[in-house]
PDB file of N, CA and C in Angstrom:
ATOM      1  N   MET A   1     115.917  94.497 137.948  1.00  0.00           N
ATOM      2  CA  MET A   1     116.315  95.858 137.666  1.00  0.00           C
ATOM      3  C   MET A   1     117.267  96.367 138.734  1.00  0.00           C
ATOM      4  N   ARG A   2     118.230  97.136 138.328  1.00  0.00           N
ATOM      5  CA  ARG A   2     119.157  97.769 139.257  1.00  0.00           C
ATOM      6  C   ARG A   2     118.673  99.172 139.531  1.00  0.00           C
ATOM      7  N   HIS A   3     118.821  99.602 140.753  1.00  0.00           N
ATOM      8  CA  HIS A   3     118.552 100.992 141.088  1.00  0.00           C
ATOM      9  C   HIS A   3     119.870 101.731 141.020  1.00  0.00           C
ATOM     10  N   ILE A   4     119.904 102.786 140.245  1.00  0.00           N
ATOM     11  CA  ILE A   4     121.128 103.514 139.988  1.00  0.00           C
ATOM     12  C   ILE A   4     121.023 104.897 140.639  1.00  0.00           C
ATOM     13  N   PRO A   5     122.080 105.336 141.332  1.00  0.00           N
ATOM     14  CA  PRO A   5     122.054 106.659 141.934  1.00  0.00           C
ATOM     15  C   PRO A   5     121.805 107.745 140.899  1.00  0.00           C
ATOM     16  N   LEU A   6     121.238 108.843 141.339  1.00  0.00           N
ATOM     17  CA  LEU A   6     120.935 109.964 140.464  1.00  0.00           C
ATOM     18  C   LEU A   6     122.143 110.405 139.668  1.00  0.00           C
ATOM     19  N   ALA A   7     123.337 110.245 140.216  1.00  0.00           N
ATOM     20  CA  ALA A   7     124.553 110.699 139.534  1.00  0.00           C
ATOM     21  C   ALA A   7     124.806 109.995 138.223  1.00  0.00           C
ATOM     22  N   ILE A   8     124.190 108.836 137.975  1.00  0.00           N
ATOM     23  CA  ILE A   8     124.450 108.161 136.705  1.00  0.00           C
ATOM     24  C   ILE A   8     123.203 108.044 135.845  1.00  0.00           C
ATOM     25  N   ILE A   9     122.319 108.982 135.991  1.00  0.00           N
ATOM     26  CA  ILE A   9     121.137 109.028 135.145  1.00  0.00           C
ATOM     27  C   ILE A   9     121.579 109.179 133.704  1.00  0.00           C
ATOM     28  N   LEU A  10     121.033 108.401 132.842  1.00  0.00           N
ATOM     29  CA  LEU A  10     121.422 108.476 131.455  1.00  0.00           C
ATOM     30  C   LEU A  10     120.252 108.235 130.523  1.00  0.00           C
ATOM     31  N   PHE A  11     120.397 108.131 129.414  1.00  0.00           N
ATOM     32  CA  PHE A  11     119.939 108.045 128.064  1.00  0.00           C
ATOM     33  C   PHE A  11     118.989 106.936 127.633  1.00  0.00           C
ATOM     34  N   ALA A  12     118.532 107.090 126.395  1.00  0.00           N
ATOM     35  CA  ALA A  12     117.930 106.021 125.599  1.00  0.00           C
ATOM     36  C   ALA A  12     118.290 106.264 124.158  1.00  0.00           C
ATOM     37  N   GLY A  13     118.268 105.229 123.337  1.00  0.00           N
ATOM     38  CA  GLY A  13     118.694 105.459 121.973  1.00  0.00           C
ATOM     39  C   GLY A  13     118.086 104.537 120.957  1.00  0.00           C
ATOM     40  N   ALA A  14     116.928 103.999 121.199  1.00  0.00           N
ATOM     41  CA  ALA A  14     116.336 103.077 120.244  1.00  0.00           C
ATOM     42  C   ALA A  14     116.271 103.713 118.864  1.00  0.00           C
ATOM     43  N   GLY A  15     116.756 102.994 117.887  1.00  0.00           N
ATOM     44  CA  GLY A  15     116.681 103.465 116.525  1.00  0.00           C
ATOM     45  C   GLY A  15     117.784 104.414 116.112  1.00  0.00           C
ATOM     46  N   LEU A  16     118.709 104.749 116.983  1.00  0.00           N
ATOM     47  CA  LEU A  16     119.746 105.698 116.628  1.00  0.00           C
ATOM     48  C   LEU A  16     121.090 105.054 116.364  1.00  0.00           C
ATOM     49  N   SER A  17     121.203 103.752 116.461  1.00  0.00           N
ATOM     50  CA  SER A  17     122.508 103.121 116.321  1.00  0.00           C
ATOM     51  C   SER A  17     123.104 103.296 114.936  1.00  0.00           C
ATOM     52  N   GLY A  18     122.308 103.656 113.930  1.00  0.00           N
ATOM     53  CA  GLY A  18     122.834 103.897 112.602  1.00  0.00           C
ATOM     54  C   GLY A  18     123.429 105.278 112.423  1.00  0.00           C
ATOM     55  N   CYS A  19     123.211 106.204 113.335  1.00  0.00           N
ATOM     56  CA  CYS A  19     123.749 107.558 113.234  1.00  0.00           C
ATOM     57  C   CYS A  19     125.231 107.539 113.557  1.00  0.00           C
ATOM     58  N   GLY A  20     126.002 108.347 112.855  1.00  0.00           N
ATOM     59  CA  GLY A  20     127.416 108.475 113.181  1.00  0.00           C
ATOM     60  C   GLY A  20     128.323 107.597 112.355  1.00  0.00           C
ATOM     61  N   GLY A  21     127.794 106.885 111.361  1.00  0.00           N
ATOM     62  CA  GLY A  21     128.642 106.085 110.488  1.00  0.00           C
ATOM     63  C   GLY A  21     129.457 105.058 111.236  1.00  0.00           C
ATOM     64  N   ASP A  22     130.776 105.050 110.979  1.00  0.00           N
ATOM     65  CA  ASP A  22     131.673 104.057 111.563  1.00  0.00           C
ATOM     66  C   ASP A  22     132.269 104.497 112.890  1.00  0.00           C
ATOM     67  N   ASP A  23     131.887 105.635 113.406  1.00  0.00           N
ATOM     68  CA  ASP A  23     132.457 106.182 114.624  1.00  0.00           C
ATOM     69  C   ASP A  23     131.543 105.911 115.822  1.00  0.00           C
ATOM     70  N   PRO A  24     131.920 104.956 116.693  1.00  0.00           N
ATOM     71  CA  PRO A  24     131.069 104.643 117.849  1.00  0.00           C
ATOM     72  C   PRO A  24     130.795 105.857 118.732  1.00  0.00           C
ATOM     73  N   ALA A  25     131.799 106.705 118.954  1.00  0.00           N
ATOM     74  CA  ALA A  25     131.586 107.883 119.800  1.00  0.00           C
ATOM     75  C   ALA A  25     130.579 108.839 119.167  1.00  0.00           C
ATOM     76  N   ALA A  26     130.615 108.993 117.857  1.00  0.00           N
ATOM     77  CA  ALA A  26     129.650 109.868 117.183  1.00  0.00           C
ATOM     78  C   ALA A  26     128.238 109.298 117.283  1.00  0.00           C
ATOM     79  N   ARG A  27     128.117 107.980 117.150  1.00  0.00           N
ATOM     80  CA  ARG A  27     126.794 107.356 117.315  1.00  0.00           C
ATOM     81  C   ARG A  27     126.309 107.534 118.749  1.00  0.00           C
ATOM     82  N   GLY A  28     127.215 107.341 119.713  1.00  0.00           N
ATOM     83  CA  GLY A  28     126.856 107.526 121.116  1.00  0.00           C
ATOM     84  C   GLY A  28     126.440 108.952 121.409  1.00  0.00           C
ATOM     85  N   GLU A  29     127.143 109.907 120.819  1.00  0.00           N
ATOM     86  CA  GLU A  29     126.783 111.314 120.999  1.00  0.00           C
ATOM     87  C   GLU A  29     125.374 111.573 120.489  1.00  0.00           C
ATOM     88  N   ALA A  30     125.039 111.015 119.332  1.00  0.00           N
ATOM     89  CA  ALA A  30     123.697 111.194 118.773  1.00  0.00           C
ATOM     90  C   ALA A  30     122.627 110.620 119.714  1.00  0.00           C
ATOM     91  N   ILE A  31     122.889 109.471 120.285  1.00  0.00           N
ATOM     92  CA  ILE A  31     121.950 108.849 121.222  1.00  0.00           C
ATOM     93  C   ILE A  31     121.747 109.746 122.438  1.00  0.00           C
ATOM     94  N   VAL A  32     122.859 110.198 123.004  1.00  0.00           N
ATOM     95  CA  VAL A  32     122.815 111.006 124.217  1.00  0.00           C
ATOM     96  C   VAL A  32     122.138 112.352 123.968  1.00  0.00           C
ATOM     97  N   ILE A  33     122.494 113.016 122.872  1.00  0.00           N
ATOM     98  CA  ILE A  33     121.884 114.322 122.576  1.00  0.00           C
ATOM     99  C   ILE A  33     120.385 114.177 122.361  1.00  0.00           C
ATOM    100  N   ALA A  34     119.983 113.189 121.597  1.00  0.00           N
ATOM    101  CA  ALA A  34     118.570 113.011 121.277  1.00  0.00           C
ATOM    102  C   ALA A  34     117.711 112.699 122.502  1.00  0.00           C
ATOM    103  N   ASN A  35     118.308 112.046 123.490  1.00  0.00           N
ATOM    104  CA  ASN A  35     117.498 111.538 124.583  1.00  0.00           C
ATOM    105  C   ASN A  35     117.767 112.149 125.951  1.00  0.00           C
ATOM    106  N   CYS A  36     118.889 112.826 126.103  1.00  0.00           N
ATOM    107  CA  CYS A  36     119.298 113.249 127.445  1.00  0.00           C
ATOM    108  C   CYS A  36     119.552 114.739 127.594  1.00  0.00           C
ATOM    109  N   SER A  37     119.742 115.432 126.482  1.00  0.00           N
ATOM    110  CA  SER A  37     120.196 116.818 126.552  1.00  0.00           C
ATOM    111  C   SER A  37     119.145 117.782 127.082  1.00  0.00           C
ATOM    112  N   ALA A  38     117.906 117.380 127.170  1.00  0.00           N
ATOM    113  CA  ALA A  38     116.895 118.268 127.757  1.00  0.00           C
ATOM    114  C   ALA A  38     117.142 118.484 129.245  1.00  0.00           C
ATOM    115  N   CYS A  39     117.815 117.536 129.898  1.00  0.00           N
ATOM    116  CA  CYS A  39     118.083 117.650 131.330  1.00  0.00           C
ATOM    117  C   CYS A  39     119.570 117.722 131.664  1.00  0.00           C
ATOM    118  N   HIS A  40     120.399 117.009 130.906  1.00  0.00           N
ATOM    119  CA  HIS A  40     121.827 116.876 131.227  1.00  0.00           C
ATOM    120  C   HIS A  40     122.702 117.649 130.253  1.00  0.00           C
ATOM    121  N   ALA A  41     123.820 118.170 130.751  1.00  0.00           N
ATOM    122  CA  ALA A  41     124.873 118.668 129.880  1.00  0.00           C
ATOM    123  C   ALA A  41     125.515 117.426 129.276  1.00  0.00           C
ATOM    124  N   THR A  42     125.415 117.276 127.977  1.00  0.00           N
ATOM    125  CA  THR A  42     125.882 116.057 127.324  1.00  0.00           C
ATOM    126  C   THR A  42     127.193 116.239 126.587  1.00  0.00           C
ATOM    127  N   GLY A  43     127.714 117.452 126.545  1.00  0.00           N
ATOM    128  CA  GLY A  43     128.945 117.721 125.827  1.00  0.00           C
ATOM    129  C   GLY A  43     130.123 117.971 126.745  1.00  0.00           C
ATOM    130  N   ALA A  44     131.196 118.438 126.156  1.00  0.00           N
ATOM    131  CA  ALA A  44     132.440 118.690 126.884  1.00  0.00           C
ATOM    132  C   ALA A  44     132.405 119.980 127.694  1.00  0.00           C
ATOM    133  N   SER A  45     131.344 120.773 127.553  1.00  0.00           N
ATOM    134  CA  SER A  45     131.209 122.003 128.329  1.00  0.00           C
ATOM    135  C   SER A  45     129.731 122.325 128.501  1.00  0.00           C
ATOM    136  N   GLY A  46     129.461 123.338 129.298  1.00  0.00           N
ATOM    137  CA  GLY A  46     128.094 123.795 129.496  1.00  0.00           C
ATOM    138  C   GLY A  46     127.448 123.223 130.739  1.00  0.00           C
ATOM    139  N   ASP A  47     126.377 123.887 131.152  1.00  0.00           N
ATOM    140  CA  ASP A  47     125.622 123.480 132.332  1.00  0.00           C
ATOM    141  C   ASP A  47     124.453 122.590 131.935  1.00  0.00           C
ATOM    142  N   SER A  48     124.036 121.734 132.860  1.00  0.00           N
ATOM    143  CA  SER A  48     122.849 120.921 132.630  1.00  0.00           C
ATOM    144  C   SER A  48     121.623 121.824 132.657  1.00  0.00           C
ATOM    145  N   PRO A  49     120.703 121.670 131.701  1.00  0.00           N
ATOM    146  CA  PRO A  49     119.487 122.480 131.701  1.00  0.00           C
ATOM    147  C   PRO A  49     118.631 122.276 132.950  1.00  0.00           C
ATOM    148  N   ARG A  50     118.674 121.096 133.519  1.00  0.00           N
ATOM    149  CA  ARG A  50     117.875 120.797 134.719  1.00  0.00           C
ATOM    150  C   ARG A  50     118.794 120.842 135.941  1.00  0.00           C
ATOM    151  N   ALA A  51     118.432 121.630 136.902  1.00  0.00           N
ATOM    152  CA  ALA A  51     119.212 121.725 138.137  1.00  0.00           C
ATOM    153  C   ALA A  51     119.341 120.339 138.771  1.00  0.00           C
ATOM    154  N   GLY A  52     120.540 120.003 139.175  1.00  0.00           N
ATOM    155  CA  GLY A  52     120.785 118.723 139.831  1.00  0.00           C
ATOM    156  C   GLY A  52     121.083 117.578 138.893  1.00  0.00           C
ATOM    157  N   ALA A  53     120.894 117.768 137.586  1.00  0.00           N
ATOM    158  CA  ALA A  53     121.205 116.714 136.614  1.00  0.00           C
ATOM    159  C   ALA A  53     122.705 116.755 136.353  1.00  0.00           C
ATOM    160  N   PRO A  54     123.422 115.677 136.629  1.00  0.00           N
ATOM    161  CA  PRO A  54     124.880 115.708 136.486  1.00  0.00           C
ATOM    162  C   PRO A  54     125.321 115.861 135.032  1.00  0.00           C
ATOM    163  N   PRO A  55     126.351 116.674 134.802  1.00  0.00           N
ATOM    164  CA  PRO A  55     126.925 116.735 133.461  1.00  0.00           C
ATOM    165  C   PRO A  55     127.588 115.396 133.133  1.00  0.00           C
ATOM    166  N   PHE A  56     127.358 114.897 131.956  1.00  0.00           N
ATOM    167  CA  PHE A  56     127.894 113.585 131.590  1.00  0.00           C
ATOM    168  C   PHE A  56     129.417 113.568 131.547  1.00  0.00           C
ATOM    169  N   ARG A  57     130.046 114.711 131.314  1.00  0.00           N
ATOM    170  CA  ARG A  57     131.510 114.763 131.231  1.00  0.00           C
ATOM    171  C   ARG A  57     132.175 114.530 132.582  1.00  0.00           C
ATOM    172  N   GLU A  58     131.405 114.512 133.671  1.00  0.00           N
ATOM    173  CA  GLU A  58     131.951 114.314 135.013  1.00  0.00           C
ATOM    174  C   GLU A  58     131.641 112.940 135.602  1.00  0.00           C
ATOM    175  N   LEU A  59     130.991 112.084 134.851  1.00  0.00           N
ATOM    176  CA  LEU A  59     130.573 110.789 135.395  1.00  0.00           C
ATOM    177  C   LEU A  59     131.740 109.943 135.885  1.00  0.00           C
ATOM    178  N   ALA A  60     132.842 109.926 135.160  1.00  0.00           N
ATOM    179  CA  ALA A  60     133.984 109.078 135.529  1.00  0.00           C
ATOM    180  C   ALA A  60     134.678 109.557 136.796  1.00  0.00           C
ATOM    181  N   GLN A  61     134.382 110.757 137.257  1.00  0.00           N
ATOM    182  CA  GLN A  61     134.934 111.232 138.527  1.00  0.00           C
ATOM    183  C   GLN A  61     134.306 110.492 139.700  1.00  0.00           C
ATOM    184  N   HIS A  62     133.140 109.916 139.474  1.00  0.00           N
ATOM    185  CA  HIS A  62     132.378 109.282 140.546  1.00  0.00           C
ATOM    186  C   HIS A  62     132.474 107.762 140.549  1.00  0.00           C
ATOM    187  N   TYR A  63     132.663 107.148 139.399  1.00  0.00           N
ATOM    188  CA  TYR A  63     132.782 105.698 139.294  1.00  0.00           C
ATOM    189  C   TYR A  63     133.276 105.348 137.899  1.00  0.00           C
ATOM    190  N   PRO A  64     133.867 104.187 137.728  1.00  0.00           N
ATOM    191  CA  PRO A  64     134.334 103.777 136.403  1.00  0.00           C
ATOM    192  C   PRO A  64     133.169 103.650 135.413  1.00  0.00           C
ATOM    193  N   LEU A  65     133.364 104.148 134.218  1.00  0.00           N
ATOM    194  CA  LEU A  65     132.302 104.103 133.213  1.00  0.00           C
ATOM    195  C   LEU A  65     131.867 102.680 132.900  1.00  0.00           C
ATOM    196  N   VAL A  66     132.756 101.711 133.066  1.00  0.00           N
ATOM    197  CA  VAL A  66     132.407 100.315 132.804  1.00  0.00           C
ATOM    198  C   VAL A  66     131.227  99.878 133.674  1.00  0.00           C
ATOM    199  N   TYR A  67     131.058 100.504 134.827  1.00  0.00           N
ATOM    200  CA  TYR A  67     129.926 100.170 135.696  1.00  0.00           C
ATOM    201  C   TYR A  67     128.585 100.487 135.032  1.00  0.00           C
ATOM    202  N   LEU A  68     128.590 101.377 134.065  1.00  0.00           N
ATOM    203  CA  LEU A  68     127.344 101.740 133.402  1.00  0.00           C
ATOM    204  C   LEU A  68     126.854 100.684 132.422  1.00  0.00           C
ATOM    205  N   GLU A  69     127.736  99.824 131.948  1.00  0.00           N
ATOM    206  CA  GLU A  69     127.346  98.845 130.936  1.00  0.00           C
ATOM    207  C   GLU A  69     126.189  97.961 131.397  1.00  0.00           C
ATOM    208  N   GLU A  70     126.312  97.395 132.580  1.00  0.00           N
ATOM    209  CA  GLU A  70     125.246  96.524 133.089  1.00  0.00           C
ATOM    210  C   GLU A  70     123.956  97.300 133.321  1.00  0.00           C
ATOM    211  N   ALA A  71     124.094  98.490 133.888  1.00  0.00           N
ATOM    212  CA  ALA A  71     122.907  99.305 134.147  1.00  0.00           C
ATOM    213  C   ALA A  71     122.189  99.670 132.852  1.00  0.00           C
ATOM    214  N   LEU A  72     122.928  99.979 131.815  1.00  0.00           N
ATOM    215  CA  LEU A  72     122.313 100.328 130.536  1.00  0.00           C
ATOM    216  C   LEU A  72     121.649  99.122 129.883  1.00  0.00           C
ATOM    217  N   ALA A  73     122.182  97.947 130.104  1.00  0.00           N
ATOM    218  CA  ALA A  73     121.594  96.737 129.538  1.00  0.00           C
ATOM    219  C   ALA A  73     120.340  96.306 130.285  1.00  0.00           C
ATOM    220  N   GLU A  74     120.344  96.477 131.605  1.00  0.00           N
ATOM    221  CA  GLU A  74     119.224  96.010 132.421  1.00  0.00           C
ATOM    222  C   GLU A  74     118.133  97.052 132.594  1.00  0.00           C
ATOM    223  N   GLY A  75     118.476  98.285 132.438  1.00  0.00           N
ATOM    224  CA  GLY A  75     117.514  99.365 132.613  1.00  0.00           C
ATOM    225  C   GLY A  75     117.882 100.231 133.799  1.00  0.00           C
ATOM    226  N   ILE A  76     118.021 101.499 133.545  1.00  0.00           N
ATOM    227  CA  ILE A  76     118.354 102.445 134.609  1.00  0.00           C
ATOM    228  C   ILE A  76     117.072 102.899 135.281  1.00  0.00           C
ATOM    229  N   MET A  77     117.080 102.843 136.590  1.00  0.00           N
ATOM    230  CA  MET A  77     115.969 103.361 137.387  1.00  0.00           C
ATOM    231  C   MET A  77     116.561 104.361 138.362  1.00  0.00           C
ATOM    232  N   THR A  78     115.840 105.438 138.597  1.00  0.00           N
ATOM    233  CA  THR A  78     116.360 106.478 139.471  1.00  0.00           C
ATOM    234  C   THR A  78     115.401 106.755 140.609  1.00  0.00           C
ATOM    235  N   GLY A  79     115.831 107.628 141.487  1.00  0.00           N
ATOM    236  CA  GLY A  79     115.046 107.959 142.657  1.00  0.00           C
ATOM    237  C   GLY A  79     114.045 109.065 142.460  1.00  0.00           C
ATOM    238  N   HIS A  80     113.818 109.520 141.225  1.00  0.00           N
ATOM    239  CA  HIS A  80     112.797 110.547 141.025  1.00  0.00           C
ATOM    240  C   HIS A  80     111.880 110.160 139.872  1.00  0.00           C
ATOM    241  N   ASN A  81     110.664 110.648 139.919  1.00  0.00           N
ATOM    242  CA  ASN A  81     109.618 110.216 138.989  1.00  0.00           C
ATOM    243  C   ASN A  81     109.793 110.716 137.563  1.00  0.00           C
ATOM    244  N   GLU A  82     110.463 111.840 137.370  1.00  0.00           N
ATOM    245  CA  GLU A  82     110.564 112.413 136.037  1.00  0.00           C
ATOM    246  C   GLU A  82     111.531 111.661 135.125  1.00  0.00           C
ATOM    247  N   MET A  83     112.444 110.906 135.694  1.00  0.00           N
ATOM    248  CA  MET A  83     113.437 110.196 134.890  1.00  0.00           C
ATOM    249  C   MET A  83     112.836 108.918 134.330  1.00  0.00           C
ATOM    250  N   PRO A  84     112.741 108.833 133.001  1.00  0.00           N
ATOM    251  CA  PRO A  84     112.225 107.592 132.421  1.00  0.00           C
ATOM    252  C   PRO A  84     113.219 106.450 132.593  1.00  0.00           C
ATOM    253  N   GLN A  85     112.724 105.244 132.493  1.00  0.00           N
ATOM    254  CA  GLN A  85     113.600 104.069 132.522  1.00  0.00           C
ATOM    255  C   GLN A  85     114.024 103.766 131.099  1.00  0.00           C
ATOM    256  N   PHE A  86     115.321 103.482 130.922  1.00  0.00           N
ATOM    257  CA  PHE A  86     115.866 103.201 129.605  1.00  0.00           C
ATOM    258  C   PHE A  86     116.569 101.857 129.604  1.00  0.00           C
ATOM    259  N   VAL A  87     116.491 101.176 128.460  1.00  0.00           N
ATOM    260  CA  VAL A  87     117.216  99.926 128.246  1.00  0.00           C
ATOM    261  C   VAL A  87     117.853 100.017 126.864  1.00  0.00           C
ATOM    262  N   PHE A  88     119.128  99.633 126.764  1.00  0.00           N
ATOM    263  CA  PHE A  88     119.872  99.705 125.515  1.00  0.00           C
ATOM    264  C   PHE A  88     120.237  98.327 125.010  1.00  0.00           C
ATOM    265  N   ASP A  89     120.466  98.231 123.697  1.00  0.00           N
ATOM    266  CA  ASP A  89     121.016  96.993 123.152  1.00  0.00           C
ATOM    267  C   ASP A  89     122.542  97.081 123.228  1.00  0.00           C
ATOM    268  N   PRO A  90     123.248  95.960 123.062  1.00  0.00           N
ATOM    269  CA  PRO A  90     124.713  95.967 123.229  1.00  0.00           C
ATOM    270  C   PRO A  90     125.457  96.974 122.355  1.00  0.00           C
ATOM    271  N   ASP A  91     125.044  97.152 121.106  1.00  0.00           N
ATOM    272  CA  ASP A  91     125.720  98.115 120.238  1.00  0.00           C
ATOM    273  C   ASP A  91     125.526  99.544 120.736  1.00  0.00           C
ATOM    274  N   GLU A  92     124.330  99.876 121.174  1.00  0.00           N
ATOM    275  CA  GLU A  92     124.070 101.212 121.708  1.00  0.00           C
ATOM    276  C   GLU A  92     124.873 101.458 122.978  1.00  0.00           C
ATOM    277  N   ILE A  93     124.985 100.452 123.821  1.00  0.00           N
ATOM    278  CA  ILE A  93     125.765 100.581 125.052  1.00  0.00           C
ATOM    279  C   ILE A  93     127.220 100.885 124.713  1.00  0.00           C
ATOM    280  N   ALA A  94     127.786 100.148 123.803  1.00  0.00           N
ATOM    281  CA  ALA A  94     129.178 100.379 123.413  1.00  0.00           C
ATOM    282  C   ALA A  94     129.356 101.787 122.848  1.00  0.00           C
ATOM    283  N   ASP A  95     128.408 102.238 122.053  1.00  0.00           N
ATOM    284  CA  ASP A  95     128.491 103.576 121.465  1.00  0.00           C
ATOM    285  C   ASP A  95     128.394 104.659 122.538  1.00  0.00           C
ATOM    286  N   VAL A  96     127.470 104.516 123.464  1.00  0.00           N
ATOM    287  CA  VAL A  96     127.310 105.510 124.525  1.00  0.00           C
ATOM    288  C   VAL A  96     128.550 105.551 125.408  1.00  0.00           C
ATOM    289  N   ILE A  97     129.077 104.398 125.785  1.00  0.00           N
ATOM    290  CA  ILE A  97     130.289 104.356 126.615  1.00  0.00           C
ATOM    291  C   ILE A  97     131.463 104.990 125.866  1.00  0.00           C
ATOM    292  N   ALA A  98     131.583 104.722 124.564  1.00  0.00           N
ATOM    293  CA  ALA A  98     132.659 105.329 123.772  1.00  0.00           C
ATOM    294  C   ALA A  98     132.542 106.846 123.785  1.00  0.00           C
ATOM    295  N   TYR A  99     131.333 107.345 123.623  1.00  0.00           N
ATOM    296  CA  TYR A  99     131.140 108.795 123.656  1.00  0.00           C
ATOM    297  C   TYR A  99     131.460 109.363 125.034  1.00  0.00           C
ATOM    298  N   LEU A 100     130.917 108.755 126.069  1.00  0.00           N
ATOM    299  CA  LEU A 100     131.178 109.253 127.419  1.00  0.00           C
ATOM    300  C   LEU A 100     132.677 109.280 127.721  1.00  0.00           C
ATOM    301  N   ALA A 101     133.384 108.232 127.330  1.00  0.00           N
ATOM    302  CA  ALA A 101     134.828 108.180 127.567  1.00  0.00           C
ATOM    303  C   ALA A 101     135.540 109.322 126.850  1.00  0.00           C
ATOM    304  N   SER A 102     135.014 109.745 125.717  1.00  0.00           N
ATOM    305  CA  SER A 102     135.672 110.788 124.927  1.00  0.00           C
ATOM    306  C   SER A 102     135.507 112.185 125.510  1.00  0.00           C
ATOM    307  N   ILE A 103     134.571 112.387 126.426  1.00  0.00           N
ATOM    308  CA  ILE A 103     134.318 113.741 126.948  1.00  0.00           C
ATOM    309  C   ILE A 103     134.660 113.907 128.417  1.00  0.00           C
ATOM    310  N   GLN A 104     135.172 112.888 129.082  1.00  0.00           N
ATOM    311  CA  GLN A 104     135.408 112.973 130.533  1.00  0.00           C
ATOM    312  C   GLN A 104     136.482 113.993 130.881  1.00  0.00           C
ATOM    313  N   VAL A 105     136.271 114.676 132.009  1.00  0.00           N
ATOM    314  CA  VAL A 105     137.213 115.653 132.553  1.00  0.00           C
ATOM    315  C   VAL A 105     137.480 115.318 134.015  1.00  0.00           C
ATOM    316  N   GLY A 106     138.548 115.867 134.557  1.00  0.00           N
ATOM    317  CA  GLY A 106     138.835 115.689 135.971  1.00  0.00           C
ATOM    318  C   GLY A 106     139.511 114.367 136.261  1.00  0.00           C
ATOM    319  N   THR A 107     139.670 114.089 137.526  1.00  0.00           N
ATOM    320  CA  THR A 107     140.336 112.877 137.995  1.00  0.00           C
ATOM    321  C   THR A 107     139.349 111.720 138.013  1.00  0.00           C
ATOM    322  N   PRO A 108     139.679 110.624 137.329  1.00  0.00           N
ATOM    323  CA  PRO A 108     138.744 109.494 137.296  1.00  0.00           C
ATOM    324  C   PRO A 108     138.659 108.774 138.643  1.00  0.00           C
ATOM    325  N   ALA A 109     137.539 108.119 138.830  1.00  0.00           N
ATOM    326  CA  ALA A 109     137.339 107.280 140.011  1.00  0.00           C
ATOM    327  C   ALA A 109     138.315 106.098 139.941  1.00  0.00           C
ATOM    328  N   PRO A 110     138.537 105.414 141.046  1.00  0.00           N
ATOM    329  CA  PRO A 110     139.398 104.226 141.017  1.00  0.00           C
ATOM    330  C   PRO A 110     138.872 103.214 140.002  1.00  0.00           C
ATOM    331  N   ALA A 111     139.772 102.445 139.422  1.00  0.00           N
ATOM    332  CA  ALA A 111     139.406 101.447 138.423  1.00  0.00           C
ATOM    333  C   ALA A 111     138.500 100.372 139.012  1.00  0.00           C
ATOM    334  N   ALA A 112     137.708  99.789 138.155  1.00  0.00           N
ATOM    335  CA  ALA A 112     136.836  98.680 138.571  1.00  0.00           C
ATOM    336  C   ALA A 112     137.690  97.512 139.000  1.00  0.00           C
ATOM    337  N   PRO A 113     137.245  96.757 140.025  1.00  0.00           N
ATOM    338  CA  PRO A 113     138.023  95.591 140.470  1.00  0.00           C
ATOM    339  C   PRO A 113     138.069  94.487 139.436  1.00  0.00           C
TER     340      PRO A 113
END
């Protein structure tokens, strides 16, 4: 398991890969809203309901989104007890990354090596 900084706390989506039809970003949005919106701002605007939970639209400012692929496949673990551990299948990972890429704001982090 990889330990992931609090800044990249994310989602789970078992059973949601069929939502959103042929649009990967729409399926990813459904996964993120269903599993993460209680704590994180999951859209293009708004504040996170939980203080200190990073808005998903700002993730790429801190590191390339591609870095999340491995973490989502292996399971995200965080430094606080309230955050559940999540593991995604490859299709869900692609959908979540597509959605996250569609909502990013600000200056992106340097590209992955």
